[in-house]
């Protein structure tokens, strides 16, 4: 699969040098285009309160229409109608804002995340899963990663072979009830999109200062904070042991987005 690394939503929370991105993967498979997350969409700027909620006052999204996935796909010369499947790490607004721009596409997520989005239980869930994000009545395809085989030591993983061989959903709850990571086999290496399992590369590589504003936000919105910290540890081990055959990225770190956009021979370097 050919993979494009897109920024589909610049955000500028306070005391976060460089801001944040919404790192979206655009996959070219044999017969379709696939998105991993969508970032922000065309409708978000028109209704930021209804579609993003109070969190917009903290993360301060730019709402630039040119960053929307559908606009970037058109700029690359593709037909947006070829996006037939969207695989979600989770259902937060900064990951699903573009869903409504592809109403014909199936949205794939874990069964636990679908249950949380449709029937939120706690205060944090009721604040993060806004009805406007699914007002266009998307087709939700629920997956249970525990039904599959392990992937690089992660026990609960499931290949989404009906979309494309080498596309794997990995259960990684903590940030949300049903959060997942998505692995993509590009032929010469794997890409692991860890979503919001961590916010900043310094949380897993130990090499950078992690802005306190990000760690505070992570604690505030976490569904299960001990699980979040366990995910940091597990992904840190993977980072240290990964060779040139694995590229680890997340949803919001601009450093990791820039690294992913470099030639493979460069991104393999530590």
C-alpha atoms as a PDB file:
ATOM      1  CA  UNK A   1       0.000   0.000   0.000  1.00  0.00           C
ATOM      2  CA  UNK A   2       1.122   3.525  -0.715  1.00  0.00           C
ATOM      3  CA  UNK A   3       0.634   5.799   2.276  1.00  0.00           C
ATOM      4  CA  UNK A   4       0.207   9.582   2.376  1.00  0.00           C
ATOM      5  CA  UNK A   5       0.746  11.345   5.707  1.00  0.00           C
ATOM      6  CA  UNK A   6      -1.694  14.272   5.980  1.00  0.00           C
ATOM      7  CA  UNK A   7      -2.221  17.011   8.552  1.00  0.00           C
ATOM      8  CA  UNK A   8      -5.985  17.362   8.681  1.00  0.00           C
ATOM      9  CA  UNK A   9      -6.251  19.854  11.504  1.00  0.00           C
ATOM     10  CA  UNK A  10      -3.786  22.278  13.045  1.00  0.00           C
ATOM     11  CA  UNK A  11      -4.448  23.069  16.723  1.00  0.00           C
ATOM     12  CA  UNK A  12      -2.697  25.577  18.935  1.00  0.00           C
ATOM     13  CA  UNK A  13      -3.201  24.831  22.647  1.00  0.00           C
ATOM     14  CA  UNK A  14      -1.428  27.183  25.059  1.00  0.00           C
ATOM     15  CA  UNK A  15       2.125  26.425  26.179  1.00  0.00           C
ATOM     16  CA  UNK A  16       2.608  23.854  23.426  1.00  0.00           C
ATOM     17  CA  UNK A  17       5.496  24.946  21.192  1.00  0.00           C
ATOM     18  CA  UNK A  18       4.846  23.997  17.590  1.00  0.00           C
ATOM     19  CA  UNK A  19       1.176  23.312  18.257  1.00  0.00           C
ATOM     20  CA  UNK A  20      -0.540  20.060  17.353  1.00  0.00           C
ATOM     21  CA  UNK A  21      -1.567  18.343  14.138  1.00  0.00           C
ATOM     22  CA  UNK A  22      -4.220  15.796  13.218  1.00  0.00           C
ATOM     23  CA  UNK A  23      -2.097  13.101  11.577  1.00  0.00           C
ATOM     24  CA  UNK A  24      -4.266  11.193   9.113  1.00  0.00           C
ATOM     25  CA  UNK A  25      -3.171   8.328   6.881  1.00  0.00           C
ATOM     26  CA  UNK A  26      -4.451   8.102   3.317  1.00  0.00           C
ATOM     27  CA  UNK A  27      -3.937   4.569   1.990  1.00  0.00           C
ATOM     28  CA  UNK A  28      -3.947   3.588  -1.659  1.00  0.00           C
ATOM     29  CA  UNK A  29      -5.003  -0.050  -1.841  1.00  0.00           C
ATOM     30  CA  UNK A  30      -5.566  -2.196  -4.913  1.00  0.00           C
ATOM     31  CA  UNK A  31      -9.185  -1.127  -5.389  1.00  0.00           C
ATOM     32  CA  UNK A  32      -9.959   1.826  -3.109  1.00  0.00           C
ATOM     33  CA  UNK A  33      -8.745   4.645  -0.912  1.00  0.00           C
ATOM     34  CA  UNK A  34      -8.830   4.228   2.865  1.00  0.00           C
ATOM     35  CA  UNK A  35      -8.450   6.843   5.579  1.00  0.00           C
ATOM     36  CA  UNK A  36      -7.107   6.175   9.051  1.00  0.00           C
ATOM     37  CA  UNK A  37      -8.940   8.864  11.056  1.00  0.00           C
ATOM     38  CA  UNK A  38     -10.229  11.992   9.311  1.00  0.00           C
ATOM     39  CA  UNK A  39      -9.113  14.971  11.388  1.00  0.00           C
ATOM     40  CA  UNK A  40     -11.332  18.035  11.077  1.00  0.00           C
ATOM     41  CA  UNK A  41     -13.843  18.418   8.282  1.00  0.00           C
ATOM     42  CA  UNK A  42     -15.649  21.032   6.240  1.00  0.00           C
ATOM     43  CA  UNK A  43     -18.589  21.304   8.632  1.00  0.00           C
ATOM     44  CA  UNK A  44     -16.538  21.977  11.754  1.00  0.00           C
ATOM     45  CA  UNK A  45     -15.802  25.643  11.064  1.00  0.00           C
ATOM     46  CA  UNK A  46     -19.506  26.333  10.487  1.00  0.00           C
ATOM     47  CA  UNK A  47     -20.547  24.805  13.825  1.00  0.00           C
ATOM     48  CA  UNK A  48     -17.521  24.602  16.140  1.00  0.00           C
ATOM     49  CA  UNK A  49     -19.665  24.543  19.280  1.00  0.00           C
ATOM     50  CA  UNK A  50     -21.909  21.723  18.181  1.00  0.00           C
ATOM     51  CA  UNK A  51     -19.237  19.627  16.500  1.00  0.00           C
ATOM     52  CA  UNK A  52     -16.175  20.218  18.693  1.00  0.00           C
ATOM     53  CA  UNK A  53     -17.600  21.339  22.007  1.00  0.00           C
ATOM     54  CA  UNK A  54     -15.923  23.324  24.814  1.00  0.00           C
ATOM     55  CA  UNK A  55     -12.569  21.618  24.156  1.00  0.00           C
ATOM     56  CA  UNK A  56     -12.083  24.055  21.267  1.00  0.00           C
ATOM     57  CA  UNK A  57     -11.300  26.814  23.761  1.00  0.00           C
ATOM     58  CA  UNK A  58      -8.294  24.842  25.000  1.00  0.00           C
ATOM     59  CA  UNK A  59      -6.891  23.127  21.893  1.00  0.00           C
ATOM     60  CA  UNK A  60      -7.844  26.082  19.643  1.00  0.00           C
ATOM     61  CA  UNK A  61      -8.311  24.393  16.255  1.00  0.00           C
ATOM     62  CA  UNK A  62      -7.554  26.565  13.230  1.00  0.00           C
ATOM     63  CA  UNK A  63     -10.464  25.214  11.106  1.00  0.00           C
ATOM     64  CA  UNK A  64      -8.653  25.689   7.804  1.00  0.00           C
ATOM     65  CA  UNK A  65     -10.813  24.213   5.014  1.00  0.00           C
ATOM     66  CA  UNK A  66      -7.729  23.445   2.930  1.00  0.00           C
ATOM     67  CA  UNK A  67      -6.579  21.003   5.647  1.00  0.00           C
ATOM     68  CA  UNK A  68      -9.758  18.914   5.421  1.00  0.00           C
ATOM     69  CA  UNK A  69      -9.052  15.401   4.163  1.00  0.00           C
ATOM     70  CA  UNK A  70     -11.484  15.735   1.265  1.00  0.00           C
ATOM     71  CA  UNK A  71      -9.722  18.879  -0.007  1.00  0.00           C
ATOM     72  CA  UNK A  72      -6.284  17.274   0.264  1.00  0.00           C
ATOM     73  CA  UNK A  73      -7.494  14.165  -1.555  1.00  0.00           C
ATOM     74  CA  UNK A  74      -8.810  16.345  -4.367  1.00  0.00           C
ATOM     75  CA  UNK A  75      -5.518  18.262  -4.480  1.00  0.00           C
ATOM     76  CA  UNK A  76      -3.650  14.964  -4.869  1.00  0.00           C
ATOM     77  CA  UNK A  77      -5.781  14.261  -7.937  1.00  0.00           C
ATOM     78  CA  UNK A  78      -7.973  11.528  -6.472  1.00  0.00           C
ATOM     79  CA  UNK A  79     -11.738  11.146  -6.504  1.00  0.00           C
ATOM     80  CA  UNK A  80     -13.083  11.405  -2.924  1.00  0.00           C
ATOM     81  CA  UNK A  81     -15.746   8.840  -3.892  1.00  0.00           C
ATOM     82  CA  UNK A  82     -12.943   6.273  -3.935  1.00  0.00           C
ATOM     83  CA  UNK A  83     -12.677   6.625  -0.147  1.00  0.00           C
ATOM     84  CA  UNK A  84     -14.886   3.679   0.689  1.00  0.00           C
ATOM     85  CA  UNK A  85     -13.624   2.902   4.193  1.00  0.00           C
ATOM     86  CA  UNK A  86     -12.488   5.026   7.128  1.00  0.00           C
ATOM     87  CA  UNK A  87     -10.746   3.265  10.026  1.00  0.00           C
ATOM     88  CA  UNK A  88     -10.951   5.178  13.301  1.00  0.00           C
ATOM     89  CA  UNK A  89      -8.605   5.029  16.242  1.00  0.00           C
ATOM     90  CA  UNK A  90     -11.482   6.443  18.302  1.00  0.00           C
ATOM     91  CA  UNK A  91     -14.507   8.737  17.990  1.00  0.00           C
ATOM     92  CA  UNK A  92     -13.224  12.049  19.397  1.00  0.00           C
ATOM     93  CA  UNK A  93     -14.189  15.116  17.355  1.00  0.00           C
ATOM     94  CA  UNK A  94     -10.655  15.819  16.124  1.00  0.00           C
ATOM     95  CA  UNK A  95     -10.561  12.315  14.634  1.00  0.00           C
ATOM     96  CA  UNK A  96     -14.075  12.149  13.173  1.00  0.00           C
ATOM     97  CA  UNK A  97     -14.766  15.705  12.001  1.00  0.00           C
ATOM     98  CA  UNK A  98     -14.274  14.698   8.380  1.00  0.00           C
ATOM     99  CA  UNK A  99     -16.611  11.688   8.504  1.00  0.00           C
ATOM    100  CA  UNK A 100     -19.521  13.772   7.240  1.00  0.00           C
ATOM    101  CA  UNK A 101     -17.498  14.742   4.149  1.00  0.00           C
ATOM    102  CA  UNK A 102     -17.544  11.062   3.090  1.00  0.00           C
ATOM    103  CA  UNK A 103     -21.134   9.990   3.914  1.00  0.00           C
ATOM    104  CA  UNK A 104     -20.897   7.009   1.543  1.00  0.00           C
ATOM    105  CA  UNK A 105     -17.875   5.507   3.368  1.00  0.00           C
ATOM    106  CA  UNK A 106     -18.049   2.849   6.050  1.00  0.00           C
ATOM    107  CA  UNK A 107     -16.575   3.879   9.416  1.00  0.00           C
ATOM    108  CA  UNK A 108     -14.700   1.069  11.177  1.00  0.00           C
ATOM    109  CA  UNK A 109     -14.047   1.156  14.928  1.00  0.00           C
ATOM    110  CA  UNK A 110     -13.940  -1.191  17.889  1.00  0.00           C
ATOM    111  CA  UNK A 111     -17.224  -2.425  19.285  1.00  0.00           C
ATOM    112  CA  UNK A 112     -16.325  -0.878  22.650  1.00  0.00           C
ATOM    113  CA  UNK A 113     -15.729   2.533  21.069  1.00  0.00           C
ATOM    114  CA  UNK A 114     -19.019   2.369  19.156  1.00  0.00           C
ATOM    115  CA  UNK A 115     -20.835   1.555  22.397  1.00  0.00           C
ATOM    116  CA  UNK A 116     -19.161   4.483  24.151  1.00  0.00           C
ATOM    117  CA  UNK A 117     -19.953   6.943  21.335  1.00  0.00           C
ATOM    118  CA  UNK A 118     -23.592   5.891  21.045  1.00  0.00           C
ATOM    119  CA  UNK A 119     -24.256   5.372  24.760  1.00  0.00           C
ATOM    120  CA  UNK A 120     -21.805   7.552  26.708  1.00  0.00           C
ATOM    121  CA  UNK A 121     -21.759   6.804  30.406  1.00  0.00           C
ATOM    122  CA  UNK A 122     -19.530   9.147  32.354  1.00  0.00           C
ATOM    123  CA  UNK A 123     -19.172  12.932  32.251  1.00  0.00           C
ATOM    124  CA  UNK A 124     -16.042  12.836  30.094  1.00  0.00           C
ATOM    125  CA  UNK A 125     -17.740  10.545  27.568  1.00  0.00           C
ATOM    126  CA  UNK A 126     -20.834  12.714  27.392  1.00  0.00           C
ATOM    127  CA  UNK A 127     -18.634  15.726  26.711  1.00  0.00           C
ATOM    128  CA  UNK A 128     -16.475  14.128  24.021  1.00  0.00           C
ATOM    129  CA  UNK A 129     -19.057  12.207  21.956  1.00  0.00           C
ATOM    130  CA  UNK A 130     -21.251  14.918  20.491  1.00  0.00           C
ATOM    131  CA  UNK A 131     -24.397  13.994  18.498  1.00  0.00           C
ATOM    132  CA  UNK A 132     -23.470  16.409  15.706  1.00  0.00           C
ATOM    133  CA  UNK A 133     -20.492  14.206  14.800  1.00  0.00           C
ATOM    134  CA  UNK A 134     -22.824  11.427  13.708  1.00  0.00           C
ATOM    135  CA  UNK A 135     -25.817  13.481  12.588  1.00  0.00           C
ATOM    136  CA  UNK A 136     -25.254  12.304   9.010  1.00  0.00           C
ATOM    137  CA  UNK A 137     -25.954   8.739  10.235  1.00  0.00           C
ATOM    138  CA  UNK A 138     -22.656   7.085   9.273  1.00  0.00           C
ATOM    139  CA  UNK A 139     -22.459   3.355   8.662  1.00  0.00           C
ATOM    140  CA  UNK A 140     -20.536   2.032  11.669  1.00  0.00           C
ATOM    141  CA  UNK A 141     -18.748  -1.283  11.292  1.00  0.00           C
ATOM    142  CA  UNK A 142     -17.858  -2.726  14.683  1.00  0.00           C
ATOM    143  CA  UNK A 143     -14.780  -4.882  15.219  1.00  0.00           C
ATOM    144  CA  UNK A 144     -13.566  -6.952  18.149  1.00  0.00           C
ATOM    145  CA  UNK A 145      -9.747  -7.081  17.912  1.00  0.00           C
ATOM    146  CA  UNK A 146      -9.601  -9.813  20.556  1.00  0.00           C
ATOM    147  CA  UNK A 147     -10.983 -12.202  17.950  1.00  0.00           C
ATOM    148  CA  UNK A 148      -7.765 -12.027  15.926  1.00  0.00           C
ATOM    149  CA  UNK A 149      -4.129 -12.883  16.429  1.00  0.00           C
ATOM    150  CA  UNK A 150      -1.400 -10.965  18.229  1.00  0.00           C
ATOM    151  CA  UNK A 151       0.671  -8.268  16.532  1.00  0.00           C
ATOM    152  CA  UNK A 152       4.191  -7.392  17.779  1.00  0.00           C
ATOM    153  CA  UNK A 153       3.262  -8.506  21.270  1.00  0.00           C
ATOM    154  CA  UNK A 154      -0.160  -6.839  21.343  1.00  0.00           C
ATOM    155  CA  UNK A 155      -2.556  -9.667  22.129  1.00  0.00           C
ATOM    156  CA  UNK A 156      -5.797  -8.161  20.825  1.00  0.00           C
ATOM    157  CA  UNK A 157      -5.354  -7.494  17.121  1.00  0.00           C
ATOM    158  CA  UNK A 158      -7.506  -8.133  14.055  1.00  0.00           C
ATOM    159  CA  UNK A 159      -6.600  -7.899  10.387  1.00  0.00           C
ATOM    160  CA  UNK A 160      -9.238  -5.980   8.426  1.00  0.00           C
ATOM    161  CA  UNK A 161      -8.747  -8.140   5.371  1.00  0.00           C
ATOM    162  CA  UNK A 162     -12.128  -7.209   3.901  1.00  0.00           C
ATOM    163  CA  UNK A 163     -10.684  -3.699   3.418  1.00  0.00           C
ATOM    164  CA  UNK A 164      -7.095  -4.589   2.547  1.00  0.00           C
ATOM    165  CA  UNK A 165      -4.534  -7.257   3.484  1.00  0.00           C
ATOM    166  CA  UNK A 166      -2.019  -5.953   5.981  1.00  0.00           C
ATOM    167  CA  UNK A 167      -4.409  -3.505   7.684  1.00  0.00           C
ATOM    168  CA  UNK A 168      -4.619  -4.394  11.371  1.00  0.00           C
ATOM    169  CA  UNK A 169      -6.743  -2.950  14.200  1.00  0.00           C
ATOM    170  CA  UNK A 170      -5.136  -3.307  17.647  1.00  0.00           C
ATOM    171  CA  UNK A 171      -7.093  -2.806  20.853  1.00  0.00           C
ATOM    172  CA  UNK A 172      -5.392  -0.108  22.943  1.00  0.00           C
ATOM    173  CA  UNK A 173      -7.966   1.262  25.415  1.00  0.00           C
ATOM    174  CA  UNK A 174      -7.105   3.932  27.937  1.00  0.00           C
ATOM    175  CA  UNK A 175      -7.511   7.280  26.229  1.00  0.00           C
ATOM    176  CA  UNK A 176     -11.077   6.195  25.453  1.00  0.00           C
ATOM    177  CA  UNK A 177     -13.080   3.095  26.279  1.00  0.00           C
ATOM    178  CA  UNK A 178     -12.476   1.478  22.907  1.00  0.00           C
ATOM    179  CA  UNK A 179      -9.378   3.235  21.596  1.00  0.00           C
ATOM    180  CA  UNK A 180      -7.365   1.354  18.968  1.00  0.00           C
ATOM    181  CA  UNK A 181      -4.066   1.607  17.145  1.00  0.00           C
ATOM    182  CA  UNK A 182      -3.929   0.867  13.426  1.00  0.00           C
ATOM    183  CA  UNK A 183      -1.035  -0.961  11.772  1.00  0.00           C
ATOM    184  CA  UNK A 184      -0.404  -0.799   8.026  1.00  0.00           C
ATOM    185  CA  UNK A 185       1.872  -3.112   6.056  1.00  0.00           C
ATOM    186  CA  UNK A 186       3.408  -1.019   3.258  1.00  0.00           C
ATOM    187  CA  UNK A 187       5.493  -3.868   1.892  1.00  0.00           C
ATOM    188  CA  UNK A 188       8.915  -2.682   3.057  1.00  0.00           C
ATOM    189  CA  UNK A 189       7.888  -1.721   6.586  1.00  0.00           C
ATOM    190  CA  UNK A 190       4.971  -1.449   8.971  1.00  0.00           C
ATOM    191  CA  UNK A 191       3.460   1.853  10.058  1.00  0.00           C
ATOM    192  CA  UNK A 192       1.784   1.857  13.464  1.00  0.00           C
ATOM    193  CA  UNK A 193      -0.604   4.770  13.995  1.00  0.00           C
ATOM    194  CA  UNK A 194      -1.084   4.856  17.758  1.00  0.00           C
ATOM    195  CA  UNK A 195      -3.819   7.505  17.726  1.00  0.00           C
ATOM    196  CA  UNK A 196      -3.999   9.249  21.097  1.00  0.00           C
ATOM    197  CA  UNK A 197      -2.306   6.448  23.037  1.00  0.00           C
ATOM    198  CA  UNK A 198       0.357   9.104  23.617  1.00  0.00           C
ATOM    199  CA  UNK A 199       0.479  12.798  22.746  1.00  0.00           C
ATOM    200  CA  UNK A 200       4.193  13.611  22.481  1.00  0.00           C
ATOM    201  CA  UNK A 201       7.223  11.606  21.363  1.00  0.00           C
ATOM    202  CA  UNK A 202       8.966  12.419  24.630  1.00  0.00           C
ATOM    203  CA  UNK A 203       6.477  10.166  26.412  1.00  0.00           C
ATOM    204  CA  UNK A 204       7.871   7.090  24.663  1.00  0.00           C
ATOM    205  CA  UNK A 205      11.385   7.934  23.477  1.00  0.00           C
ATOM    206  CA  UNK A 206      12.551   9.815  26.590  1.00  0.00           C
ATOM    207  CA  UNK A 207      14.377  12.256  24.351  1.00  0.00           C
ATOM    208  CA  UNK A 208      12.189  15.322  24.458  1.00  0.00           C
ATOM    209  CA  UNK A 209      10.547  17.631  26.981  1.00  0.00           C
ATOM    210  CA  UNK A 210       6.827  16.922  27.195  1.00  0.00           C
ATOM    211  CA  UNK A 211       4.793  20.141  27.600  1.00  0.00           C
ATOM    212  CA  UNK A 212       2.864  20.071  30.849  1.00  0.00           C
ATOM    213  CA  UNK A 213      -0.168  21.408  29.020  1.00  0.00           C
ATOM    214  CA  UNK A 214      -0.318  18.134  27.085  1.00  0.00           C
ATOM    215  CA  UNK A 215       0.124  15.850  30.079  1.00  0.00           C
ATOM    216  CA  UNK A 216      -2.573  17.801  31.944  1.00  0.00           C
ATOM    217  CA  UNK A 217      -4.956  17.453  28.997  1.00  0.00           C
ATOM    218  CA  UNK A 218      -4.159  13.749  28.697  1.00  0.00           C
ATOM    219  CA  UNK A 219      -4.998  13.168  32.372  1.00  0.00           C
ATOM    220  CA  UNK A 220      -8.202  15.195  32.175  1.00  0.00           C
ATOM    221  CA  UNK A 221      -9.727  13.324  29.223  1.00  0.00           C
ATOM    222  CA  UNK A 222      -8.402   9.822  29.947  1.00  0.00           C
ATOM    223  CA  UNK A 223     -10.991   7.086  30.316  1.00  0.00           C
ATOM    224  CA  UNK A 224      -8.484   4.925  32.231  1.00  0.00           C
ATOM    225  CA  UNK A 225      -5.317   6.756  33.271  1.00  0.00           C
ATOM    226  CA  UNK A 226      -3.401   3.682  34.511  1.00  0.00           C
ATOM    227  CA  UNK A 227      -4.048   2.071  31.116  1.00  0.00           C
ATOM    228  CA  UNK A 228      -2.750   5.209  29.387  1.00  0.00           C
ATOM    229  CA  UNK A 229       0.469   4.997  31.365  1.00  0.00           C
ATOM    230  CA  UNK A 230       0.787   1.287  30.625  1.00  0.00           C
ATOM    231  CA  UNK A 231       0.379   2.090  26.929  1.00  0.00           C
ATOM    232  CA  UNK A 232       3.209   4.631  27.190  1.00  0.00           C
ATOM    233  CA  UNK A 233       5.456   1.946  28.651  1.00  0.00           C
ATOM    234  CA  UNK A 234       4.520  -0.686  26.075  1.00  0.00           C
ATOM    235  CA  UNK A 235       4.912   1.719  23.143  1.00  0.00           C
ATOM    236  CA  UNK A 236       8.197   2.947  24.587  1.00  0.00           C
ATOM    237  CA  UNK A 237       9.483  -0.627  24.557  1.00  0.00           C
ATOM    238  CA  UNK A 238       8.334  -0.985  20.974  1.00  0.00           C
ATOM    239  CA  UNK A 239      10.035   2.292  20.008  1.00  0.00           C
ATOM    240  CA  UNK A 240      13.344   1.162  21.481  1.00  0.00           C
ATOM    241  CA  UNK A 241      13.220  -2.306  19.920  1.00  0.00           C
ATOM    242  CA  UNK A 242      11.852  -1.302  16.510  1.00  0.00           C
ATOM    243  CA  UNK A 243      14.205  -1.562  13.599  1.00  0.00           C
ATOM    244  CA  UNK A 244      13.861  -0.113  10.115  1.00  0.00           C
ATOM    245  CA  UNK A 245      10.824  -2.325   9.518  1.00  0.00           C
ATOM    246  CA  UNK A 246       8.535  -0.280  11.782  1.00  0.00           C
ATOM    247  CA  UNK A 247       7.551   3.400  11.826  1.00  0.00           C
ATOM    248  CA  UNK A 248       5.640   4.522  14.919  1.00  0.00           C
ATOM    249  CA  UNK A 249       3.465   7.643  14.695  1.00  0.00           C
ATOM    250  CA  UNK A 250       0.595   9.148  16.633  1.00  0.00           C
ATOM    251  CA  UNK A 251      -2.246  11.571  15.997  1.00  0.00           C
ATOM    252  CA  UNK A 252      -0.997  14.927  17.203  1.00  0.00           C
ATOM    253  CA  UNK A 253       2.799  15.213  17.393  1.00  0.00           C
ATOM    254  CA  UNK A 254       4.097  17.467  14.564  1.00  0.00           C
ATOM    255  CA  UNK A 255       7.607  16.060  15.077  1.00  0.00           C
ATOM    256  CA  UNK A 256       6.426  12.533  14.283  1.00  0.00           C
ATOM    257  CA  UNK A 257       4.422  13.756  11.288  1.00  0.00           C
ATOM    258  CA  UNK A 258       7.515  15.460   9.884  1.00  0.00           C
ATOM    259  CA  UNK A 259       9.587  12.351  10.526  1.00  0.00           C
ATOM    260  CA  UNK A 260       7.029  10.171   8.718  1.00  0.00           C
ATOM    261  CA  UNK A 261       7.118  12.450   5.674  1.00  0.00           C
ATOM    262  CA  UNK A 262      10.872  12.034   5.277  1.00  0.00           C
ATOM    263  CA  UNK A 263      12.316   9.327   3.013  1.00  0.00           C
ATOM    264  CA  UNK A 264      12.337   5.901   4.625  1.00  0.00           C
ATOM    265  CA  UNK A 265      16.127   5.824   4.830  1.00  0.00           C
ATOM    266  CA  UNK A 266      16.026   8.918   7.035  1.00  0.00           C
ATOM    267  CA  UNK A 267      13.086   7.953   9.265  1.00  0.00           C
ATOM    268  CA  UNK A 268      14.818   4.706  10.107  1.00  0.00           C
ATOM    269  CA  UNK A 269      17.510   6.634  11.932  1.00  0.00           C
ATOM    270  CA  UNK A 270      17.188   7.238  15.672  1.00  0.00           C
END
